[in-house]
Amino acid sequence: MKFEDQAKRLFEAHYNCAQSTFGAFAEHFNLDLTTAVKIAMPFGGGIGHSGGMCGAVSGGIMVIGLARGIDVYDKDKKEACYALAREFLNRFSALHGSLTCPGLLGVDIGDPLAQQDARERGLFRAVCTQLVVDAARLAAEVLELDQDEG
């Protein structure tokens, strides 16, 4: 199954944007889904519903770290990982015009009333489903992962 299909399936199962994007890669990187969604959970809603960076974006960045992060200092590998993160961010921003929840949704979900309004209007399902799909696809692309492996 493609990473983007798995991300969509997770989002439709009520995982947040970060969980859905990061979780879509769990099996590929031999990480159990339970651990993956726990790690990604607080990044949803623009990080804790603060309206910051989109959870789908955060999830994609976590995937890049999982794939290319270092555990022993290596300047070249560190810079290569940062370069992939920048490439992912640039592609996502070019596609959607923003990296933040308010910029993507048009409402400040850090405001509880605006968040409730967005929920009642179905904005999260209407907009965020595509964001997790695109984030998963872009992460796979920058990492040059075979989409049919997911």
N, C-alpha and C. Protein backbone atom coordinates (compact mmCIF):
# COMPACT_ATOMS: atom_id res chain seq x y z
N MET A 1 0.85 -1.18 0.00
CA MET A 1 0.00 0.00 0.00
C MET A 1 0.89 1.24 0.00
N LYS A 2 0.48 2.22 -0.71
CA LYS A 2 1.24 3.46 -0.77
C LYS A 2 1.17 4.19 0.57
N PHE A 3 2.23 4.93 0.87
CA PHE A 3 2.28 5.69 2.12
C PHE A 3 1.12 6.67 2.20
N GLU A 4 0.80 7.30 1.09
CA GLU A 4 -0.28 8.29 1.12
C GLU A 4 -1.63 7.63 1.38
N ASP A 5 -1.83 6.41 0.87
CA ASP A 5 -3.08 5.69 1.13
C ASP A 5 -3.19 5.33 2.61
N GLN A 6 -2.08 4.91 3.19
CA GLN A 6 -2.07 4.57 4.61
C GLN A 6 -2.31 5.82 5.46
N ALA A 7 -1.72 6.94 5.07
CA ALA A 7 -1.92 8.19 5.81
C ALA A 7 -3.40 8.58 5.80
N LYS A 8 -4.02 8.46 4.64
CA LYS A 8 -5.45 8.78 4.52
C LYS A 8 -6.28 7.84 5.37
N ARG A 9 -5.95 6.55 5.33
CA ARG A 9 -6.70 5.58 6.13
C ARG A 9 -6.59 5.89 7.63
N LEU A 10 -5.39 6.22 8.08
CA LEU A 10 -5.21 6.56 9.49
C LEU A 10 -6.00 7.81 9.86
N PHE A 11 -5.96 8.83 8.99
CA PHE A 11 -6.69 10.06 9.28
C PHE A 11 -8.19 9.79 9.34
N GLU A 12 -8.67 8.97 8.44
CA GLU A 12 -10.10 8.64 8.44
C GLU A 12 -10.48 7.79 9.65
N ALA A 13 -9.48 7.17 10.30
CA ALA A 13 -9.73 6.41 11.53
C ALA A 13 -9.57 7.29 12.76
N HIS A 14 -9.54 8.60 12.55
CA HIS A 14 -9.55 9.61 13.62
C HIS A 14 -8.20 9.84 14.29
N TYR A 15 -7.11 9.45 13.64
CA TYR A 15 -5.81 9.88 14.12
C TYR A 15 -5.61 11.30 13.64
N ASN A 16 -4.80 12.09 14.36
CA ASN A 16 -4.60 13.47 13.92
C ASN A 16 -3.63 13.53 12.72
N CYS A 17 -3.40 14.71 12.21
CA CYS A 17 -2.58 14.87 11.00
C CYS A 17 -1.15 14.34 11.18
N ALA A 18 -0.54 14.66 12.31
CA ALA A 18 0.82 14.20 12.56
C ALA A 18 0.87 12.69 12.71
N GLN A 19 -0.06 12.14 13.46
CA GLN A 19 -0.11 10.69 13.65
C GLN A 19 -0.32 9.97 12.32
N SER A 20 -1.19 10.52 11.50
CA SER A 20 -1.52 9.88 10.22
C SER A 20 -0.32 9.90 9.27
N THR A 21 0.35 11.03 9.20
CA THR A 21 1.49 11.14 8.30
C THR A 21 2.65 10.28 8.79
N PHE A 22 3.03 10.43 10.05
CA PHE A 22 4.15 9.66 10.60
C PHE A 22 3.82 8.18 10.67
N GLY A 23 2.61 7.87 11.10
CA GLY A 23 2.19 6.48 11.24
C GLY A 23 2.19 5.71 9.93
N ALA A 24 1.99 6.41 8.83
CA ALA A 24 1.96 5.76 7.53
C ALA A 24 3.30 5.11 7.18
N PHE A 25 4.37 5.53 7.83
CA PHE A 25 5.71 5.02 7.55
C PHE A 25 6.21 4.05 8.62
N ALA A 26 5.43 3.84 9.65
CA ALA A 26 5.88 3.03 10.79
C ALA A 26 6.34 1.64 10.35
N GLU A 27 5.51 0.94 9.64
CA GLU A 27 5.86 -0.42 9.24
C GLU A 27 7.11 -0.44 8.36
N HIS A 28 7.22 0.50 7.45
CA HIS A 28 8.38 0.56 6.55
C HIS A 28 9.69 0.67 7.34
N PHE A 29 9.66 1.41 8.44
CA PHE A 29 10.86 1.62 9.25
C PHE A 29 10.90 0.73 10.50
N ASN A 30 10.11 -0.33 10.49
CA ASN A 30 10.08 -1.30 11.59
C ASN A 30 9.79 -0.66 12.94
N LEU A 31 8.88 0.29 12.92
CA LEU A 31 8.42 0.94 14.14
C LEU A 31 6.97 0.52 14.32
N ASP A 32 6.62 0.05 15.50
CA ASP A 32 5.22 -0.36 15.67
C ASP A 32 4.32 0.86 15.66
N LEU A 33 3.13 0.68 15.10
CA LEU A 33 2.20 1.79 14.92
C LEU A 33 1.82 2.43 16.25
N THR A 34 1.66 1.64 17.29
CA THR A 34 1.30 2.20 18.59
C THR A 34 2.34 3.20 19.06
N THR A 35 3.60 2.86 18.94
CA THR A 35 4.67 3.77 19.34
C THR A 35 4.67 5.01 18.44
N ALA A 36 4.53 4.80 17.16
CA ALA A 36 4.55 5.92 16.20
C ALA A 36 3.45 6.93 16.51
N VAL A 37 2.24 6.47 16.73
CA VAL A 37 1.14 7.41 16.95
C VAL A 37 1.25 8.09 18.32
N LYS A 38 1.86 7.42 19.28
CA LYS A 38 2.09 8.07 20.58
C LYS A 38 3.10 9.20 20.44
N ILE A 39 4.19 8.94 19.71
CA ILE A 39 5.21 9.96 19.49
C ILE A 39 4.62 11.17 18.78
N ALA A 40 3.83 10.93 17.76
CA ALA A 40 3.32 12.01 16.92
C ALA A 40 2.11 12.73 17.52
N MET A 41 1.44 12.15 18.48
CA MET A 41 0.17 12.67 18.99
C MET A 41 0.20 14.16 19.35
N PRO A 42 1.15 14.66 20.13
CA PRO A 42 1.07 16.06 20.53
C PRO A 42 1.37 17.06 19.41
N PHE A 43 1.78 16.58 18.24
CA PHE A 43 2.07 17.48 17.13
C PHE A 43 0.83 17.85 16.33
N GLY A 44 -0.30 17.23 16.63
CA GLY A 44 -1.54 17.52 15.92
C GLY A 44 -2.07 18.90 16.24
N GLY A 45 -2.87 19.43 15.34
CA GLY A 45 -3.49 20.74 15.55
C GLY A 45 -2.48 21.87 15.61
N GLY A 46 -1.44 21.72 14.82
CA GLY A 46 -0.42 22.78 14.84
C GLY A 46 0.36 22.76 16.13
N ILE A 47 0.62 21.58 16.63
CA ILE A 47 1.32 21.28 17.88
C ILE A 47 0.43 21.66 19.07
N GLY A 48 -0.25 20.64 19.54
CA GLY A 48 -1.10 20.81 20.72
C GLY A 48 -2.24 21.78 20.54
N HIS A 49 -2.80 21.82 19.33
CA HIS A 49 -3.87 22.76 18.99
C HIS A 49 -3.47 24.20 19.27
N SER A 50 -2.20 24.51 19.08
CA SER A 50 -1.75 25.88 19.26
C SER A 50 -1.86 26.69 17.98
N GLY A 51 -2.10 26.00 16.86
CA GLY A 51 -2.21 26.70 15.59
C GLY A 51 -0.85 26.97 14.96
N GLY A 52 0.16 26.25 15.39
CA GLY A 52 1.50 26.41 14.83
C GLY A 52 1.66 25.59 13.56
N MET A 53 2.83 24.99 13.41
CA MET A 53 3.11 24.20 12.21
C MET A 53 2.12 23.05 12.09
N CYS A 54 1.58 22.89 10.90
CA CYS A 54 0.62 21.83 10.58
C CYS A 54 1.15 20.47 11.03
N GLY A 55 0.29 19.66 11.61
CA GLY A 55 0.68 18.33 12.06
C GLY A 55 1.13 17.43 10.93
N ALA A 56 0.53 17.57 9.75
CA ALA A 56 0.98 16.78 8.61
C ALA A 56 2.42 17.12 8.25
N VAL A 57 2.76 18.39 8.34
CA VAL A 57 4.13 18.84 8.09
C VAL A 57 5.06 18.28 9.16
N SER A 58 4.66 18.40 10.42
CA SER A 58 5.47 17.85 11.51
C SER A 58 5.68 16.35 11.34
N GLY A 59 4.63 15.65 10.96
CA GLY A 59 4.74 14.21 10.72
C GLY A 59 5.73 13.89 9.62
N GLY A 60 5.69 14.67 8.54
CA GLY A 60 6.64 14.47 7.44
C GLY A 60 8.07 14.71 7.87
N ILE A 61 8.28 15.72 8.69
CA ILE A 61 9.62 16.02 9.20
C ILE A 61 10.10 14.88 10.10
N MET A 62 9.19 14.34 10.92
CA MET A 62 9.57 13.21 11.78
C MET A 62 9.96 11.99 10.94
N VAL A 63 9.27 11.77 9.83
CA VAL A 63 9.62 10.66 8.94
C VAL A 63 11.04 10.86 8.40
N ILE A 64 11.35 12.06 7.99
CA ILE A 64 12.69 12.35 7.49
C ILE A 64 13.73 12.09 8.57
N GLY A 65 13.44 12.50 9.79
CA GLY A 65 14.36 12.23 10.90
C GLY A 65 14.52 10.75 11.16
N LEU A 66 13.43 10.01 11.10
CA LEU A 66 13.49 8.57 11.32
C LEU A 66 14.33 7.90 10.25
N ALA A 67 14.18 8.37 9.01
CA ALA A 67 14.89 7.77 7.89
C ALA A 67 16.35 8.18 7.81
N ARG A 68 16.63 9.44 8.07
CA ARG A 68 17.97 9.95 7.82
C ARG A 68 18.61 10.65 9.00
N GLY A 69 17.94 10.61 10.16
CA GLY A 69 18.52 11.23 11.34
C GLY A 69 19.77 10.48 11.79
N ILE A 70 20.56 11.14 12.60
CA ILE A 70 21.81 10.53 13.07
C ILE A 70 21.74 10.32 14.57
N ASP A 71 22.47 9.32 15.03
CA ASP A 71 22.58 9.11 16.47
C ASP A 71 24.02 9.26 16.94
N VAL A 72 24.92 9.41 15.99
CA VAL A 72 26.32 9.70 16.27
C VAL A 72 26.68 10.88 15.37
N TYR A 73 27.35 11.87 15.92
CA TYR A 73 27.62 13.09 15.16
C TYR A 73 28.36 12.81 13.86
N ASP A 74 27.79 13.31 12.80
CA ASP A 74 28.39 13.26 11.47
C ASP A 74 27.89 14.51 10.76
N LYS A 75 28.77 15.49 10.61
CA LYS A 75 28.37 16.79 10.06
C LYS A 75 27.69 16.65 8.70
N ASP A 76 28.25 15.85 7.81
CA ASP A 76 27.69 15.71 6.47
C ASP A 76 26.30 15.08 6.49
N LYS A 77 26.11 14.04 7.29
CA LYS A 77 24.80 13.40 7.39
C LYS A 77 23.78 14.33 8.05
N LYS A 78 24.22 15.09 9.03
CA LYS A 78 23.35 16.05 9.70
C LYS A 78 22.86 17.09 8.70
N GLU A 79 23.78 17.65 7.93
CA GLU A 79 23.42 18.66 6.93
C GLU A 79 22.55 18.06 5.83
N ALA A 80 22.80 16.81 5.46
CA ALA A 80 21.98 16.15 4.44
C ALA A 80 20.55 15.97 4.94
N CYS A 81 20.39 15.64 6.21
CA CYS A 81 19.05 15.49 6.79
C CYS A 81 18.34 16.84 6.82
N TYR A 82 19.05 17.88 7.22
CA TYR A 82 18.46 19.22 7.22
C TYR A 82 18.05 19.64 5.81
N ALA A 83 18.87 19.30 4.82
CA ALA A 83 18.55 19.65 3.43
C ALA A 83 17.28 18.95 2.97
N LEU A 84 17.11 17.68 3.35
CA LEU A 84 15.87 16.97 3.01
C LEU A 84 14.67 17.61 3.68
N ALA A 85 14.84 18.02 4.94
CA ALA A 85 13.74 18.68 5.65
C ALA A 85 13.37 19.98 4.95
N ARG A 86 14.36 20.77 4.55
CA ARG A 86 14.07 22.02 3.84
C ARG A 86 13.39 21.75 2.50
N GLU A 87 13.84 20.72 1.80
CA GLU A 87 13.22 20.38 0.52
C GLU A 87 11.75 20.00 0.73
N PHE A 88 11.49 19.19 1.74
CA PHE A 88 10.11 18.81 2.07
C PHE A 88 9.27 20.05 2.39
N LEU A 89 9.78 20.91 3.26
CA LEU A 89 9.06 22.12 3.64
C LEU A 89 8.79 23.02 2.43
N ASN A 90 9.79 23.18 1.59
CA ASN A 90 9.62 24.02 0.40
C ASN A 90 8.57 23.45 -0.54
N ARG A 91 8.58 22.14 -0.74
CA ARG A 91 7.59 21.51 -1.63
C ARG A 91 6.18 21.63 -1.06
N PHE A 92 6.05 21.37 0.24
CA PHE A 92 4.73 21.45 0.87
C PHE A 92 4.20 22.88 0.78
N SER A 93 5.05 23.84 1.12
CA SER A 93 4.64 25.24 1.09
C SER A 93 4.29 25.68 -0.33
N ALA A 94 5.04 25.24 -1.32
CA ALA A 94 4.74 25.58 -2.71
C ALA A 94 3.40 25.01 -3.14
N LEU A 95 3.08 23.83 -2.64
CA LEU A 95 1.83 23.16 -3.00
C LEU A 95 0.62 23.78 -2.30
N HIS A 96 0.80 24.16 -1.02
CA HIS A 96 -0.35 24.60 -0.22
C HIS A 96 -0.29 26.05 0.25
N GLY A 97 0.83 26.73 0.04
CA GLY A 97 0.91 28.14 0.38
C GLY A 97 1.23 28.48 1.81
N SER A 98 1.35 27.48 2.66
CA SER A 98 1.63 27.73 4.07
C SER A 98 2.12 26.45 4.73
N LEU A 99 2.68 26.59 5.91
CA LEU A 99 3.09 25.45 6.72
C LEU A 99 2.34 25.40 8.04
N THR A 100 1.52 26.41 8.32
CA THR A 100 0.81 26.48 9.59
C THR A 100 -0.67 26.16 9.44
N CYS A 101 -1.26 25.71 10.52
CA CYS A 101 -2.70 25.42 10.50
C CYS A 101 -3.53 26.65 10.12
N PRO A 102 -3.30 27.81 10.74
CA PRO A 102 -4.11 28.97 10.34
C PRO A 102 -3.92 29.34 8.86
N GLY A 103 -2.70 29.22 8.36
CA GLY A 103 -2.45 29.54 6.96
C GLY A 103 -3.11 28.57 6.01
N LEU A 104 -3.22 27.33 6.42
CA LEU A 104 -3.80 26.28 5.58
C LEU A 104 -5.32 26.22 5.69
N LEU A 105 -5.83 26.46 6.89
CA LEU A 105 -7.27 26.34 7.14
C LEU A 105 -8.01 27.67 7.04
N GLY A 106 -7.28 28.77 7.19
CA GLY A 106 -7.92 30.08 7.17
C GLY A 106 -8.57 30.46 8.48
N VAL A 107 -8.32 29.67 9.52
CA VAL A 107 -8.83 29.99 10.86
C VAL A 107 -7.73 29.72 11.88
N ASP A 108 -7.76 30.45 12.97
CA ASP A 108 -6.79 30.26 14.04
C ASP A 108 -7.30 29.19 14.99
N ILE A 109 -6.85 27.95 14.79
CA ILE A 109 -7.36 26.87 15.64
C ILE A 109 -6.77 26.91 17.04
N GLY A 110 -5.86 27.85 17.28
CA GLY A 110 -5.39 28.08 18.64
C GLY A 110 -6.47 28.75 19.49
N ASP A 111 -7.45 29.34 18.84
CA ASP A 111 -8.60 29.95 19.49
C ASP A 111 -9.68 28.88 19.59
N PRO A 112 -10.08 28.49 20.81
CA PRO A 112 -11.07 27.42 20.96
C PRO A 112 -12.38 27.66 20.20
N LEU A 113 -12.84 28.89 20.13
CA LEU A 113 -14.07 29.17 19.39
C LEU A 113 -13.87 28.98 17.89
N ALA A 114 -12.75 29.43 17.38
CA ALA A 114 -12.46 29.24 15.95
C ALA A 114 -12.27 27.76 15.64
N GLN A 115 -11.65 27.05 16.57
CA GLN A 115 -11.44 25.61 16.40
C GLN A 115 -12.79 24.89 16.32
N GLN A 116 -13.69 25.25 17.20
CA GLN A 116 -15.03 24.64 17.21
C GLN A 116 -15.78 24.97 15.93
N ASP A 117 -15.65 26.21 15.47
CA ASP A 117 -16.29 26.62 14.22
C ASP A 117 -15.73 25.80 13.05
N ALA A 118 -14.43 25.62 13.01
CA ALA A 118 -13.80 24.84 11.95
C ALA A 118 -14.30 23.40 11.98
N ARG A 119 -14.43 22.85 13.19
CA ARG A 119 -14.92 21.47 13.33
C ARG A 119 -16.36 21.37 12.84
N GLU A 120 -17.20 22.33 13.23
CA GLU A 120 -18.61 22.31 12.83
C GLU A 120 -18.77 22.46 11.32
N ARG A 121 -17.88 23.21 10.68
CA ARG A 121 -17.94 23.39 9.23
C ARG A 121 -17.26 22.25 8.47
N GLY A 122 -16.72 21.27 9.20
CA GLY A 122 -16.08 20.13 8.55
C GLY A 122 -14.77 20.46 7.88
N LEU A 123 -14.14 21.55 8.34
CA LEU A 123 -12.90 22.02 7.71
C LEU A 123 -11.76 21.02 7.86
N PHE A 124 -11.67 20.38 9.00
CA PHE A 124 -10.57 19.43 9.22
C PHE A 124 -10.65 18.27 8.24
N ARG A 125 -11.82 17.70 8.09
CA ARG A 125 -11.98 16.58 7.15
C ARG A 125 -11.83 17.05 5.70
N ALA A 126 -12.38 18.22 5.40
CA ALA A 126 -12.34 18.70 4.02
C ALA A 126 -10.92 19.09 3.58
N VAL A 127 -10.16 19.70 4.45
CA VAL A 127 -8.83 20.20 4.08
C VAL A 127 -7.71 19.27 4.54
N CYS A 128 -7.78 18.82 5.77
CA CYS A 128 -6.66 18.09 6.36
C CYS A 128 -6.43 16.71 5.75
N THR A 129 -7.48 16.09 5.25
CA THR A 129 -7.30 14.79 4.60
C THR A 129 -6.29 14.91 3.46
N GLN A 130 -6.46 15.94 2.64
CA GLN A 130 -5.53 16.14 1.52
C GLN A 130 -4.14 16.51 2.02
N LEU A 131 -4.06 17.24 3.11
CA LEU A 131 -2.75 17.64 3.64
C LEU A 131 -1.94 16.43 4.10
N VAL A 132 -2.58 15.46 4.76
CA VAL A 132 -1.83 14.28 5.21
C VAL A 132 -1.43 13.42 4.02
N VAL A 133 -2.29 13.34 3.02
CA VAL A 133 -1.95 12.58 1.81
C VAL A 133 -0.75 13.22 1.12
N ASP A 134 -0.78 14.53 0.96
CA ASP A 134 0.31 15.22 0.29
C ASP A 134 1.60 15.16 1.10
N ALA A 135 1.50 15.31 2.41
CA ALA A 135 2.70 15.25 3.25
C ALA A 135 3.35 13.88 3.17
N ALA A 136 2.55 12.83 3.19
CA ALA A 136 3.11 11.47 3.09
C ALA A 136 3.77 11.27 1.72
N ARG A 137 3.11 11.72 0.68
CA ARG A 137 3.68 11.58 -0.67
C ARG A 137 4.99 12.35 -0.79
N LEU A 138 5.00 13.59 -0.31
CA LEU A 138 6.20 14.42 -0.41
C LEU A 138 7.35 13.86 0.42
N ALA A 139 7.05 13.36 1.61
CA ALA A 139 8.11 12.76 2.43
C ALA A 139 8.71 11.56 1.71
N ALA A 140 7.86 10.72 1.14
CA ALA A 140 8.35 9.56 0.39
C ALA A 140 9.18 10.00 -0.81
N GLU A 141 8.74 11.05 -1.47
CA GLU A 141 9.47 11.55 -2.65
C GLU A 141 10.85 12.08 -2.27
N VAL A 142 10.93 12.93 -1.25
CA VAL A 142 12.24 13.49 -0.91
C VAL A 142 13.19 12.42 -0.38
N LEU A 143 12.62 11.37 0.22
CA LEU A 143 13.44 10.25 0.71
C LEU A 143 13.69 9.21 -0.38
N GLU A 144 13.04 9.40 -1.53
CA GLU A 144 13.15 8.48 -2.66
C GLU A 144 12.77 7.05 -2.27
N LEU A 145 11.64 6.96 -1.53
CA LEU A 145 11.12 5.67 -1.14
C LEU A 145 10.16 5.18 -2.21
N ASP A 146 10.16 3.90 -2.44
CA ASP A 146 9.24 3.30 -3.41
C ASP A 146 7.83 3.35 -2.82
N GLN A 147 6.95 4.08 -3.47
CA GLN A 147 5.58 4.24 -2.97
C GLN A 147 4.81 2.93 -2.91
N ASP A 148 5.23 1.94 -3.64
CA ASP A 148 4.52 0.67 -3.62
C ASP A 148 4.94 -0.20 -2.45
N GLU A 149 5.97 0.23 -1.70
CA GLU A 149 6.41 -0.54 -0.53
C GLU A 149 5.58 -0.26 0.69
N GLY A 150 4.96 0.94 0.76
CA GLY A 150 4.32 1.43 1.96
C GLY A 150 3.35 0.58 2.56
